Amino acid sequence: MLGGPGTVGVEQTVSLTHSWNPNLSFWYLPQSSDGDDVFTVTLNVAGESQTIPVSLDGDGWQRQWYSLGVGEDYFTGPVTVRFELSSDGEEPATAVYLDEVSLGRTPGGPFKFYFPIIRK
């Protein structure tokens, strides 16, 4: 869970080996957003970073997935994934629950890499 006043985030770096057009996939559950809060995912692949805003609107668990942007090719190398929640500190307190975060190839099969999320 990410939550609290200010900016909080979790980050993990993993190495992918021979992954076809890898994607990041995750489930998230936003709680009590006041409209001024921002939830983002930052992907750093081969030294190139992209930050993607994720909607805090909606009810219930939501699934998101993003291409790592390496094209239709096999990829080998480190990937850093960062989830970040920026809250203005006003009530109600915003929180985001994360589950089933995976990084793996597409298409063709259940080759996924699950990694623990470490809060920093």
PDB file of N, CA and C in Angstrom:
ATOM      1  N   MET A   1       0.835  -1.170   0.000  1.00  0.00           N
ATOM      2  CA  MET A   1       0.000   0.000   0.000  1.00  0.00           C
ATOM      3  C   MET A   1       0.887   1.243   0.000  1.00  0.00           C
ATOM      4  N   LEU A   2       0.531   2.201  -0.826  1.00  0.00           N
ATOM      5  CA  LEU A   2       1.161   3.511  -0.810  1.00  0.00           C
ATOM      6  C   LEU A   2       0.160   4.480  -0.213  1.00  0.00           C
ATOM      7  N   GLY A   3       0.597   5.300   0.722  1.00  0.00           N
ATOM      8  CA  GLY A   3      -0.307   6.270   1.311  1.00  0.00           C
ATOM      9  C   GLY A   3       0.402   7.161   2.288  1.00  0.00           C
ATOM     10  N   GLY A   4      -0.261   8.249   2.632  1.00  0.00           N
ATOM     11  CA  GLY A   4       0.296   9.193   3.584  1.00  0.00           C
ATOM     12  C   GLY A   4       0.472  10.556   2.947  1.00  0.00           C
ATOM     13  N   PRO A   5       0.788  11.553   3.750  1.00  0.00           N
ATOM     14  CA  PRO A   5       0.993  12.891   3.199  1.00  0.00           C
ATOM     15  C   PRO A   5       2.316  12.977   2.443  1.00  0.00           C
ATOM     16  N   GLY A   6       2.393  13.884   1.501  1.00  0.00           N
ATOM     17  CA  GLY A   6       3.626  14.059   0.747  1.00  0.00           C
ATOM     18  C   GLY A   6       3.739  13.050  -0.389  1.00  0.00           C
ATOM     19  N   THR A   7       4.965  12.709  -0.719  1.00  0.00           N
ATOM     20  CA  THR A   7       5.225  11.765  -1.804  1.00  0.00           C
ATOM     21  C   THR A   7       5.839  10.500  -1.244  1.00  0.00           C
ATOM     22  N   VAL A   8       5.232   9.359  -1.599  1.00  0.00           N
ATOM     23  CA  VAL A   8       5.755   8.054  -1.196  1.00  0.00           C
ATOM     24  C   VAL A   8       5.879   7.196  -2.441  1.00  0.00           C
ATOM     25  N   GLY A   9       6.835   6.289  -2.436  1.00  0.00           N
ATOM     26  CA  GLY A   9       7.014   5.441  -3.604  1.00  0.00           C
ATOM     27  C   GLY A   9       7.710   4.147  -3.269  1.00  0.00           C
ATOM     28  N   VAL A  10       7.607   3.217  -4.188  1.00  0.00           N
ATOM     29  CA  VAL A  10       8.329   1.951  -4.119  1.00  0.00           C
ATOM     30  C   VAL A  10       9.010   1.756  -5.462  1.00  0.00           C
ATOM     31  N   GLU A  11      10.186   1.114  -5.409  1.00  0.00           N
ATOM     32  CA  GLU A  11      10.980   0.961  -6.620  1.00  0.00           C
ATOM     33  C   GLU A  11      11.684  -0.382  -6.586  1.00  0.00           C
ATOM     34  N   GLN A  12      11.795  -1.008  -7.760  1.00  0.00           N
ATOM     35  CA  GLN A  12      12.498  -2.285  -7.863  1.00  0.00           C
ATOM     36  C   GLN A  12      13.182  -2.349  -9.222  1.00  0.00           C
ATOM     37  N   THR A  13      14.404  -2.869  -9.245  1.00  0.00           N
ATOM     38  CA  THR A  13      15.126  -3.098 -10.490  1.00  0.00           C
ATOM     39  C   THR A  13      15.279  -4.600 -10.686  1.00  0.00           C
ATOM     40  N   VAL A  14      14.947  -5.062 -11.884  1.00  0.00           N
ATOM     41  CA  VAL A  14      15.080  -6.478 -12.228  1.00  0.00           C
ATOM     42  C   VAL A  14      15.809  -6.585 -13.557  1.00  0.00           C
ATOM     43  N   SER A  15      16.359  -7.775 -13.831  1.00  0.00           N
ATOM     44  CA  SER A  15      16.996  -8.034 -15.109  1.00  0.00           C
ATOM     45  C   SER A  15      16.135  -8.983 -15.912  1.00  0.00           C
ATOM     46  N   LEU A  16      15.820  -8.584 -17.128  1.00  0.00           N
ATOM     47  CA  LEU A  16      15.089  -9.452 -18.038  1.00  0.00           C
ATOM     48  C   LEU A  16      16.081 -10.079 -19.012  1.00  0.00           C
ATOM     49  N   THR A  17      15.800 -11.318 -19.384  1.00  0.00           N
ATOM     50  CA  THR A  17      16.647 -12.026 -20.321  1.00  0.00           C
ATOM     51  C   THR A  17      15.808 -12.559 -21.461  1.00  0.00           C
ATOM     52  N   HIS A  18      16.119 -12.138 -22.649  1.00  0.00           N
ATOM     53  CA  HIS A  18      15.492 -12.649 -23.864  1.00  0.00           C
ATOM     54  C   HIS A  18      13.966 -12.606 -23.769  1.00  0.00           C
ATOM     55  N   SER A  19      13.430 -11.454 -23.390  1.00  0.00           N
ATOM     56  CA  SER A  19      11.982 -11.268 -23.257  1.00  0.00           C
ATOM     57  C   SER A  19      11.433 -10.578 -24.497  1.00  0.00           C
ATOM     58  N   TRP A  20      10.412 -11.169 -25.103  1.00  0.00           N
ATOM     59  CA  TRP A  20       9.816 -10.637 -26.330  1.00  0.00           C
ATOM     60  C   TRP A  20       8.863  -9.507 -25.996  1.00  0.00           C
ATOM     61  N   ASN A  21       9.130  -8.296 -26.477  1.00  0.00           N
ATOM     62  CA  ASN A  21       8.251  -7.137 -26.301  1.00  0.00           C
ATOM     63  C   ASN A  21       7.678  -7.071 -24.878  1.00  0.00           C
ATOM     64  N   PRO A  22       8.533  -6.913 -23.859  1.00  0.00           N
ATOM     65  CA  PRO A  22       8.074  -7.000 -22.461  1.00  0.00           C
ATOM     66  C   PRO A  22       7.067  -5.918 -22.068  1.00  0.00           C
ATOM     67  N   ASN A  23       6.201  -6.286 -21.136  1.00  0.00           N
ATOM     68  CA  ASN A  23       5.166  -5.412 -20.603  1.00  0.00           C
ATOM     69  C   ASN A  23       5.184  -5.439 -19.080  1.00  0.00           C
ATOM     70  N   LEU A  24       4.754  -4.335 -18.491  1.00  0.00           N
ATOM     71  CA  LEU A  24       4.493  -4.255 -17.057  1.00  0.00           C
ATOM     72  C   LEU A  24       2.984  -4.393 -16.881  1.00  0.00           C
ATOM     73  N   SER A  25       2.580  -5.235 -15.934  1.00  0.00           N
ATOM     74  CA  SER A  25       1.166  -5.422 -15.630  1.00  0.00           C
ATOM     75  C   SER A  25       0.987  -5.359 -14.118  1.00  0.00           C
ATOM     76  N   PHE A  26      -0.123  -4.744 -13.670  1.00  0.00           N
ATOM     77  CA  PHE A  26      -0.401  -4.692 -12.236  1.00  0.00           C
ATOM     78  C   PHE A  26      -1.871  -4.391 -12.003  1.00  0.00           C
ATOM     79  N   TRP A  27      -2.332  -4.769 -10.812  1.00  0.00           N
ATOM     80  CA  TRP A  27      -3.668  -4.423 -10.326  1.00  0.00           C
ATOM     81  C   TRP A  27      -3.496  -3.361  -9.249  1.00  0.00           C
ATOM     82  N   TYR A  28      -4.428  -2.404  -9.191  1.00  0.00           N
ATOM     83  CA  TYR A  28      -4.360  -1.389  -8.142  1.00  0.00           C
ATOM     84  C   TYR A  28      -5.761  -1.014  -7.690  1.00  0.00           C
ATOM     85  N   LEU A  29      -5.844  -0.569  -6.438  1.00  0.00           N
ATOM     86  CA  LEU A  29      -7.110  -0.162  -5.833  1.00  0.00           C
ATOM     87  C   LEU A  29      -6.918   1.214  -5.206  1.00  0.00           C
ATOM     88  N   PRO A  30      -7.439   2.277  -5.842  1.00  0.00           N
ATOM     89  CA  PRO A  30      -7.316   3.617  -5.262  1.00  0.00           C
ATOM     90  C   PRO A  30      -8.337   3.820  -4.144  1.00  0.00           C
ATOM     91  N   GLN A  31      -7.927   4.523  -3.099  1.00  0.00           N
ATOM     92  CA  GLN A  31      -8.792   4.801  -1.959  1.00  0.00           C
ATOM     93  C   GLN A  31      -8.782   6.284  -1.638  1.00  0.00           C
ATOM     94  N   SER A  32      -9.927   6.907  -1.586  1.00  0.00           N
ATOM     95  CA  SER A  32     -10.128   8.255  -1.035  1.00  0.00           C
ATOM     96  C   SER A  32      -9.334   9.366  -1.702  1.00  0.00           C
ATOM     97  N   SER A  33      -9.212   9.366  -3.008  1.00  0.00           N
ATOM     98  CA  SER A  33      -8.504  10.445  -3.679  1.00  0.00           C
ATOM     99  C   SER A  33      -9.346  11.722  -3.625  1.00  0.00           C
ATOM    100  N   ASP A  34      -8.677  12.865  -3.393  1.00  0.00           N
ATOM    101  CA  ASP A  34      -9.414  14.132  -3.328  1.00  0.00           C
ATOM    102  C   ASP A  34      -9.325  14.935  -4.624  1.00  0.00           C
ATOM    103  N   GLY A  35      -8.761  14.373  -5.661  1.00  0.00           N
ATOM    104  CA  GLY A  35      -8.690  15.055  -6.950  1.00  0.00           C
ATOM    105  C   GLY A  35      -7.390  15.780  -7.210  1.00  0.00           C
ATOM    106  N   ASP A  36      -6.646  16.137  -6.165  1.00  0.00           N
ATOM    107  CA  ASP A  36      -5.371  16.828  -6.333  1.00  0.00           C
ATOM    108  C   ASP A  36      -4.178  15.882  -6.233  1.00  0.00           C
ATOM    109  N   ASP A  37      -4.432  14.619  -5.938  1.00  0.00           N
ATOM    110  CA  ASP A  37      -3.363  13.649  -5.744  1.00  0.00           C
ATOM    111  C   ASP A  37      -2.997  13.001  -7.077  1.00  0.00           C
ATOM    112  N   VAL A  38      -1.737  12.537  -7.185  1.00  0.00           N
ATOM    113  CA  VAL A  38      -1.231  12.000  -8.440  1.00  0.00           C
ATOM    114  C   VAL A  38      -0.553  10.658  -8.178  1.00  0.00           C
ATOM    115  N   PHE A  39      -0.933   9.653  -8.975  1.00  0.00           N
ATOM    116  CA  PHE A  39      -0.331   8.323  -8.922  1.00  0.00           C
ATOM    117  C   PHE A  39       0.366   8.085 -10.257  1.00  0.00           C
ATOM    118  N   THR A  40       1.668   7.744 -10.218  1.00  0.00           N
ATOM    119  CA  THR A  40       2.426   7.541 -11.453  1.00  0.00           C
ATOM    120  C   THR A  40       3.227   6.247 -11.402  1.00  0.00           C
ATOM    121  N   VAL A  41       3.553   5.761 -12.589  1.00  0.00           N
ATOM    122  CA  VAL A  41       4.471   4.641 -12.760  1.00  0.00           C
ATOM    123  C   VAL A  41       5.612   5.160 -13.629  1.00  0.00           C
ATOM    124  N   THR A  42       6.839   4.956 -13.184  1.00  0.00           N
ATOM    125  CA  THR A  42       8.003   5.336 -13.976  1.00  0.00           C
ATOM    126  C   THR A  42       8.744   4.075 -14.382  1.00  0.00           C
ATOM    127  N   LEU A  43       8.984   3.935 -15.678  1.00  0.00           N
ATOM    128  CA  LEU A  43       9.728   2.807 -16.226  1.00  0.00           C
ATOM    129  C   LEU A  43      11.062   3.325 -16.734  1.00  0.00           C
ATOM    130  N   ASN A  44      12.153   2.705 -16.280  1.00  0.00           N
ATOM    131  CA  ASN A  44      13.473   3.033 -16.790  1.00  0.00           C
ATOM    132  C   ASN A  44      13.999   1.784 -17.482  1.00  0.00           C
ATOM    133  N   VAL A  45      14.102   1.869 -18.805  1.00  0.00           N
ATOM    134  CA  VAL A  45      14.526   0.734 -19.619  1.00  0.00           C
ATOM    135  C   VAL A  45      15.730   1.165 -20.438  1.00  0.00           C
ATOM    136  N   ALA A  46      16.843   0.484 -20.226  1.00  0.00           N
ATOM    137  CA  ALA A  46      18.068   0.778 -20.983  1.00  0.00           C
ATOM    138  C   ALA A  46      18.443   2.251 -20.912  1.00  0.00           C
ATOM    139  N   GLY A  47      18.280   2.862 -19.741  1.00  0.00           N
ATOM    140  CA  GLY A  47      18.670   4.252 -19.541  1.00  0.00           C
ATOM    141  C   GLY A  47      17.649   5.282 -19.986  1.00  0.00           C
ATOM    142  N   GLU A  48      16.558   4.847 -20.596  1.00  0.00           N
ATOM    143  CA  GLU A  48      15.485   5.742 -21.025  1.00  0.00           C
ATOM    144  C   GLU A  48      14.338   5.659 -20.031  1.00  0.00           C
ATOM    145  N   SER A  49      13.894   6.807 -19.536  1.00  0.00           N
ATOM    146  CA  SER A  49      12.826   6.852 -18.529  1.00  0.00           C
ATOM    147  C   SER A  49      11.544   7.411 -19.115  1.00  0.00           C
ATOM    148  N   GLN A  50      10.420   6.819 -18.715  1.00  0.00           N
ATOM    149  CA  GLN A  50       9.115   7.374 -19.057  1.00  0.00           C
ATOM    150  C   GLN A  50       8.224   7.297 -17.833  1.00  0.00           C
ATOM    151  N   THR A  51       7.533   8.400 -17.547  1.00  0.00           N
ATOM    152  CA  THR A  51       6.613   8.461 -16.413  1.00  0.00           C
ATOM    153  C   THR A  51       5.202   8.490 -16.959  1.00  0.00           C
ATOM    154  N   ILE A  52       4.365   7.593 -16.412  1.00  0.00           N
ATOM    155  CA  ILE A  52       3.003   7.418 -16.907  1.00  0.00           C
ATOM    156  C   ILE A  52       2.026   7.734 -15.783  1.00  0.00           C
ATOM    157  N   PRO A  53       1.122   8.700 -15.971  1.00  0.00           N
ATOM    158  CA  PRO A  53       0.102   8.952 -14.949  1.00  0.00           C
ATOM    159  C   PRO A  53      -0.940   7.831 -14.954  1.00  0.00           C
ATOM    160  N   VAL A  54      -1.391   7.444 -13.759  1.00  0.00           N
ATOM    161  CA  VAL A  54      -2.400   6.396 -13.604  1.00  0.00           C
ATOM    162  C   VAL A  54      -3.614   7.035 -12.932  1.00  0.00           C
ATOM    163  N   SER A  55      -4.783   6.778 -13.468  1.00  0.00           N
ATOM    164  CA  SER A  55      -6.006   7.393 -12.952  1.00  0.00           C
ATOM    165  C   SER A  55      -6.349   6.890 -11.554  1.00  0.00           C
ATOM    166  N   LEU A  56      -6.724   7.821 -10.684  1.00  0.00           N
ATOM    167  CA  LEU A  56      -7.212   7.463  -9.350  1.00  0.00           C
ATOM    168  C   LEU A  56      -8.739   7.436  -9.318  1.00  0.00           C
ATOM    169  N   ASP A  57      -9.367   7.621 -10.468  1.00  0.00           N
ATOM    170  CA  ASP A  57     -10.829   7.557 -10.566  1.00  0.00           C
ATOM    171  C   ASP A  57     -11.267   6.105 -10.681  1.00  0.00           C
ATOM    172  N   GLY A  58     -12.517   5.870 -10.359  1.00  0.00           N
ATOM    173  CA  GLY A  58     -13.075   4.528 -10.507  1.00  0.00           C
ATOM    174  C   GLY A  58     -13.170   3.805  -9.179  1.00  0.00           C
ATOM    175  N   ASP A  59     -14.013   2.780  -9.185  1.00  0.00           N
ATOM    176  CA  ASP A  59     -14.222   1.984  -7.980  1.00  0.00           C
ATOM    177  C   ASP A  59     -13.692   0.576  -8.197  1.00  0.00           C
ATOM    178  N   GLY A  60     -13.227  -0.016  -7.142  1.00  0.00           N
ATOM    179  CA  GLY A  60     -12.771  -1.404  -7.199  1.00  0.00           C
ATOM    180  C   GLY A  60     -11.382  -1.541  -7.792  1.00  0.00           C
ATOM    181  N   TRP A  61     -10.954  -2.795  -7.844  1.00  0.00           N
ATOM    182  CA  TRP A  61      -9.638  -3.107  -8.394  1.00  0.00           C
ATOM    183  C   TRP A  61      -9.621  -2.836  -9.888  1.00  0.00           C
ATOM    184  N   GLN A  62      -8.510  -2.270 -10.361  1.00  0.00           N
ATOM    185  CA  GLN A  62      -8.340  -1.961 -11.770  1.00  0.00           C
ATOM    186  C   GLN A  62      -7.020  -2.542 -12.259  1.00  0.00           C
ATOM    187  N   ARG A  63      -7.000  -3.022 -13.496  1.00  0.00           N
ATOM    188  CA  ARG A  63      -5.781  -3.600 -14.054  1.00  0.00           C
ATOM    189  C   ARG A  63      -5.209  -2.646 -15.089  1.00  0.00           C
ATOM    190  N   GLN A  64      -3.895  -2.494 -15.055  1.00  0.00           N
ATOM    191  CA  GLN A  64      -3.180  -1.667 -16.026  1.00  0.00           C
ATOM    192  C   GLN A  64      -2.023  -2.465 -16.596  1.00  0.00           C
ATOM    193  N   TRP A  65      -1.669  -2.177 -17.825  1.00  0.00           N
ATOM    194  CA  TRP A  65      -0.471  -2.749 -18.401  1.00  0.00           C
ATOM    195  C   TRP A  65       0.118  -1.747 -19.380  1.00  0.00           C
ATOM    196  N   TYR A  66       1.450  -1.792 -19.469  1.00  0.00           N
ATOM    197  CA  TYR A  66       2.180  -0.860 -20.311  1.00  0.00           C
ATOM    198  C   TYR A  66       3.310  -1.593 -21.004  1.00  0.00           C
ATOM    199  N   SER A  67       3.512  -1.273 -22.264  1.00  0.00           N
ATOM    200  CA  SER A  67       4.652  -1.796 -22.993  1.00  0.00           C
ATOM    201  C   SER A  67       5.904  -1.071 -22.515  1.00  0.00           C
ATOM    202  N   LEU A  68       7.007  -1.786 -22.438  1.00  0.00           N
ATOM    203  CA  LEU A  68       8.258  -1.152 -22.043  1.00  0.00           C
ATOM    204  C   LEU A  68       8.850  -0.314 -23.173  1.00  0.00           C
ATOM    205  N   GLY A  69       8.245  -0.365 -24.346  1.00  0.00           N
ATOM    206  CA  GLY A  69       8.665   0.504 -25.444  1.00  0.00           C
ATOM    207  C   GLY A  69       9.939   0.092 -26.142  1.00  0.00           C
ATOM    208  N   VAL A  70      10.263  -1.210 -26.130  1.00  0.00           N
ATOM    209  CA  VAL A  70      11.481  -1.658 -26.803  1.00  0.00           C
ATOM    210  C   VAL A  70      11.188  -2.202 -28.193  1.00  0.00           C
ATOM    211  N   GLY A  71       9.943  -2.040 -28.644  1.00  0.00           N
ATOM    212  CA  GLY A  71       9.573  -2.507 -29.976  1.00  0.00           C
ATOM    213  C   GLY A  71       9.342  -4.005 -29.996  1.00  0.00           C
ATOM    214  N   GLU A  72       9.084  -4.497 -31.172  1.00  0.00           N
ATOM    215  CA  GLU A  72       8.837  -5.930 -31.310  1.00  0.00           C
ATOM    216  C   GLU A  72      10.161  -6.646 -31.502  1.00  0.00           C
ATOM    217  N   ASP A  73      10.844  -6.806 -30.403  1.00  0.00           N
ATOM    218  CA  ASP A  73      12.147  -7.438 -30.433  1.00  0.00           C
ATOM    219  C   ASP A  73      12.394  -8.093 -29.078  1.00  0.00           C
ATOM    220  N   TYR A  74      13.397  -8.954 -29.028  1.00  0.00           N
ATOM    221  CA  TYR A  74      13.790  -9.542 -27.745  1.00  0.00           C
ATOM    222  C   TYR A  74      14.596  -8.518 -26.966  1.00  0.00           C
ATOM    223  N   PHE A  75      14.378  -8.482 -25.663  1.00  0.00           N
ATOM    224  CA  PHE A  75      15.070  -7.508 -24.815  1.00  0.00           C
ATOM    225  C   PHE A  75      15.801  -8.238 -23.704  1.00  0.00           C
ATOM    226  N   THR A  76      17.037  -7.838 -23.477  1.00  0.00           N
ATOM    227  CA  THR A  76      17.820  -8.327 -22.350  1.00  0.00           C
ATOM    228  C   THR A  76      18.432  -7.103 -21.682  1.00  0.00           C
ATOM    229  N   GLY A  77      18.218  -6.987 -20.368  1.00  0.00           N
ATOM    230  CA  GLY A  77      18.800  -5.866 -19.649  1.00  0.00           C
ATOM    231  C   GLY A  77      18.014  -5.510 -18.408  1.00  0.00           C
ATOM    232  N   PRO A  78      18.500  -4.511 -17.664  1.00  0.00           N
ATOM    233  CA  PRO A  78      17.821  -4.097 -16.436  1.00  0.00           C
ATOM    234  C   PRO A  78      16.614  -3.203 -16.722  1.00  0.00           C
ATOM    235  N   VAL A  79      15.599  -3.353 -15.882  1.00  0.00           N
ATOM    236  CA  VAL A  79      14.400  -2.531 -15.934  1.00  0.00           C
ATOM    237  C   VAL A  79      14.094  -2.076 -14.510  1.00  0.00           C
ATOM    238  N   THR A  80      13.905  -0.780 -14.323  1.00  0.00           N
ATOM    239  CA  THR A  80      13.516  -0.249 -13.023  1.00  0.00           C
ATOM    240  C   THR A  80      12.075   0.233 -13.110  1.00  0.00           C
ATOM    241  N   VAL A  81      11.273  -0.220 -12.148  1.00  0.00           N
ATOM    242  CA  VAL A  81       9.868   0.169 -12.072  1.00  0.00           C
ATOM    243  C   VAL A  81       9.673   0.936 -10.771  1.00  0.00           C
ATOM    244  N   ARG A  82       9.062   2.106 -10.851  1.00  0.00           N
ATOM    245  CA  ARG A  82       8.778   2.911  -9.658  1.00  0.00           C
ATOM    246  C   ARG A  82       7.310   3.311  -9.665  1.00  0.00           C
ATOM    247  N   PHE A  83       6.631   2.997  -8.551  1.00  0.00           N
ATOM    248  CA  PHE A  83       5.264   3.453  -8.316  1.00  0.00           C
ATOM    249  C   PHE A  83       5.357   4.593  -7.323  1.00  0.00           C
ATOM    250  N   GLU A  84       4.671   5.711  -7.600  1.00  0.00           N
ATOM    251  CA  GLU A  84       4.764   6.879  -6.728  1.00  0.00           C
ATOM    252  C   GLU A  84       3.395   7.526  -6.560  1.00  0.00           C
ATOM    253  N   LEU A  85       3.082   7.867  -5.319  1.00  0.00           N
ATOM    254  CA  LEU A  85       1.839   8.562  -4.997  1.00  0.00           C
ATOM    255  C   LEU A  85       2.196   9.884  -4.338  1.00  0.00           C
ATOM    256  N   SER A  86       1.724  10.981  -4.946  1.00  0.00           N
ATOM    257  CA  SER A  86       1.935  12.318  -4.390  1.00  0.00           C
ATOM    258  C   SER A  86       0.597  12.825  -3.883  1.00  0.00           C
ATOM    259  N   SER A  87       0.561  13.126  -2.591  1.00  0.00           N
ATOM    260  CA  SER A  87      -0.675  13.568  -1.947  1.00  0.00           C
ATOM    261  C   SER A  87      -0.466  14.955  -1.368  1.00  0.00           C
ATOM    262  N   ASP A  88      -1.505  15.779  -1.456  1.00  0.00           N
ATOM    263  CA  ASP A  88      -1.403  17.135  -0.915  1.00  0.00           C
ATOM    264  C   ASP A  88      -1.585  17.174   0.600  1.00  0.00           C
ATOM    265  N   GLY A  89      -1.886  16.030   1.203  1.00  0.00           N
ATOM    266  CA  GLY A  89      -2.005  15.960   2.660  1.00  0.00           C
ATOM    267  C   GLY A  89      -3.356  16.337   3.210  1.00  0.00           C
ATOM    268  N   GLU A  90      -4.270  16.763   2.335  1.00  0.00           N
ATOM    269  CA  GLU A  90      -5.606  17.117   2.812  1.00  0.00           C
ATOM    270  C   GLU A  90      -6.446  15.862   2.996  1.00  0.00           C
ATOM    271  N   GLU A  91      -7.421  15.966   3.872  1.00  0.00           N
ATOM    272  CA  GLU A  91      -8.331  14.847   4.121  1.00  0.00           C
ATOM    273  C   GLU A  91      -9.320  14.720   2.980  1.00  0.00           C
ATOM    274  N   PRO A  92      -9.781  13.564   2.623  1.00  0.00           N
ATOM    275  CA  PRO A  92      -9.385  12.285   3.187  1.00  0.00           C
ATOM    276  C   PRO A  92      -8.017  11.858   2.660  1.00  0.00           C
ATOM    277  N   ALA A  93      -7.300  11.087   3.471  1.00  0.00           N
ATOM    278  CA  ALA A  93      -5.969  10.614   3.079  1.00  0.00           C
ATOM    279  C   ALA A  93      -6.088   9.652   1.902  1.00  0.00           C
ATOM    280  N   THR A  94      -5.240   9.844   0.909  1.00  0.00           N
ATOM    281  CA  THR A  94      -5.243   8.990  -0.278  1.00  0.00           C
ATOM    282  C   THR A  94      -4.341   7.790  -0.043  1.00  0.00           C
ATOM    283  N   ALA A  95      -4.781   6.640  -0.543  1.00  0.00           N
ATOM    284  CA  ALA A  95      -3.983   5.423  -0.497  1.00  0.00           C
ATOM    285  C   ALA A  95      -4.212   4.661  -1.799  1.00  0.00           C
ATOM    286  N   VAL A  96      -3.206   3.887  -2.195  1.00  0.00           N
ATOM    287  CA  VAL A  96      -3.318   3.015  -3.359  1.00  0.00           C
ATOM    288  C   VAL A  96      -2.748   1.658  -2.972  1.00  0.00           C
ATOM    289  N   TYR A  97      -3.552   0.619  -3.154  1.00  0.00           N
ATOM    290  CA  TYR A  97      -3.105  -0.755  -2.930  1.00  0.00           C
ATOM    291  C   TYR A  97      -2.633  -1.331  -4.258  1.00  0.00           C
ATOM    292  N   LEU A  98      -1.505  -2.054  -4.249  1.00  0.00           N
ATOM    293  CA  LEU A  98      -0.960  -2.691  -5.448  1.00  0.00           C
ATOM    294  C   LEU A  98      -0.965  -4.200  -5.268  1.00  0.00           C
ATOM    295  N   ASP A  99      -1.187  -4.935  -6.368  1.00  0.00           N
ATOM    296  CA  ASP A  99      -1.176  -6.392  -6.307  1.00  0.00           C
ATOM    297  C   ASP A  99      -0.777  -6.941  -7.678  1.00  0.00           C
ATOM    298  N   GLU A 100      -0.235  -8.129  -7.672  1.00  0.00           N
ATOM    299  CA  GLU A 100       0.117  -8.883  -8.879  1.00  0.00           C
ATOM    300  C   GLU A 100       0.914  -8.060  -9.886  1.00  0.00           C
ATOM    301  N   VAL A 101       1.965  -7.433  -9.403  1.00  0.00           N
ATOM    302  CA  VAL A 101       2.859  -6.680 -10.283  1.00  0.00           C
ATOM    303  C   VAL A 101       3.736  -7.692 -11.023  1.00  0.00           C
ATOM    304  N   SER A 102       3.751  -7.611 -12.344  1.00  0.00           N
ATOM    305  CA  SER A 102       4.578  -8.548 -13.113  1.00  0.00           C
ATOM    306  C   SER A 102       5.219  -7.832 -14.291  1.00  0.00           C
ATOM    307  N   LEU A 103       6.325  -8.382 -14.709  1.00  0.00           N
ATOM    308  CA  LEU A 103       7.078  -7.848 -15.826  1.00  0.00           C
ATOM    309  C   LEU A 103       7.441  -9.046 -16.681  1.00  0.00           C
ATOM    310  N   GLY A 104       7.053  -9.052 -17.939  1.00  0.00           N
ATOM    311  CA  GLY A 104       7.357 -10.227 -18.749  1.00  0.00           C
ATOM    312  C   GLY A 104       7.056 -10.030 -20.203  1.00  0.00           C
ATOM    313  N   ARG A 105       7.301 -11.084 -20.949  1.00  0.00           N
ATOM    314  CA  ARG A 105       7.187 -11.002 -22.402  1.00  0.00           C
ATOM    315  C   ARG A 105       5.751 -11.168 -22.875  1.00  0.00           C
ATOM    316  N   THR A 106       5.512 -10.730 -24.079  1.00  0.00           N
ATOM    317  CA  THR A 106       4.255 -10.955 -24.780  1.00  0.00           C
ATOM    318  C   THR A 106       4.616 -11.214 -26.226  1.00  0.00           C
ATOM    319  N   PRO A 107       3.832 -11.762 -27.012  1.00  0.00           N
ATOM    320  CA  PRO A 107       2.760 -12.677 -26.663  1.00  0.00           C
ATOM    321  C   PRO A 107       3.316 -14.070 -26.414  1.00  0.00           C
ATOM    322  N   GLY A 108       2.466 -14.984 -26.144  1.00  0.00           N
ATOM    323  CA  GLY A 108       2.845 -16.386 -26.182  1.00  0.00           C
ATOM    324  C   GLY A 108       3.313 -16.999 -24.904  1.00  0.00           C
ATOM    325  N   GLY A 109       2.535 -16.943 -23.902  1.00  0.00           N
ATOM    326  CA  GLY A 109       2.867 -17.812 -22.799  1.00  0.00           C
ATOM    327  C   GLY A 109       3.082 -17.127 -21.484  1.00  0.00           C
ATOM    328  N   PRO A 110       3.082 -17.944 -20.483  1.00  0.00           N
ATOM    329  CA  PRO A 110       3.158 -17.449 -19.113  1.00  0.00           C
ATOM    330  C   PRO A 110       4.585 -17.269 -18.628  1.00  0.00           C
ATOM    331  N   PHE A 111       5.385 -16.497 -19.352  1.00  0.00           N
ATOM    332  CA  PHE A 111       6.716 -16.184 -18.858  1.00  0.00           C
ATOM    333  C   PHE A 111       6.639 -14.836 -18.181  1.00  0.00           C
ATOM    334  N   LYS A 112       6.505 -14.863 -16.874  1.00  0.00           N
ATOM    335  CA  LYS A 112       6.408 -13.622 -16.119  1.00  0.00           C
ATOM    336  C   LYS A 112       7.449 -13.624 -15.026  1.00  0.00           C
ATOM    337  N   PHE A 113       7.838 -12.436 -14.623  1.00  0.00           N
ATOM    338  CA  PHE A 113       8.777 -12.284 -13.526  1.00  0.00           C
ATOM    339  C   PHE A 113       8.075 -11.492 -12.444  1.00  0.00           C
ATOM    340  N   TYR A 114       7.765 -12.144 -11.329  1.00  0.00           N
ATOM    341  CA  TYR A 114       7.136 -11.456 -10.208  1.00  0.00           C
ATOM    342  C   TYR A 114       8.239 -11.010  -9.264  1.00  0.00           C
ATOM    343  N   PHE A 115       8.110  -9.801  -8.766  1.00  0.00           N
ATOM    344  CA  PHE A 115       9.138  -9.329  -7.858  1.00  0.00           C
ATOM    345  C   PHE A 115       8.499  -8.655  -6.657  1.00  0.00           C
ATOM    346  N   PRO A 116       9.179  -8.713  -5.529  1.00  0.00           N
ATOM    347  CA  PRO A 116       8.626  -8.052  -4.352  1.00  0.00           C
ATOM    348  C   PRO A 116       8.761  -6.552  -4.486  1.00  0.00           C
ATOM    349  N   ILE A 117       7.842  -5.854  -3.908  1.00  0.00           N
ATOM    350  CA  ILE A 117       7.917  -4.397  -3.895  1.00  0.00           C
ATOM    351  C   ILE A 117       8.543  -3.992  -2.567  1.00  0.00           C
ATOM    352  N   ILE A 118       9.577  -3.189  -2.644  1.00  0.00           N
ATOM    353  CA  ILE A 118      10.291  -2.749  -1.461  1.00  0.00           C
ATOM    354  C   ILE A 118      10.052  -1.259  -1.300  1.00  0.00           C
ATOM    355  N   ARG A 119       9.494  -0.862  -0.189  1.00  0.00           N
ATOM    356  CA  ARG A 119       9.207   0.545   0.048  1.00  0.00           C
ATOM    357  C   ARG A 119      10.469   1.275   0.444  1.00  0.00           C
ATOM    358  N   LYS A 120      10.719   2.380  -0.247  1.00  0.00           N
ATOM    359  CA  LYS A 120      11.927   3.176   0.057  1.00  0.00           C
ATOM    360  C   LYS A 120      11.520   4.533   0.543  1.00  0.00           C
TER     361      LYS A 120
END
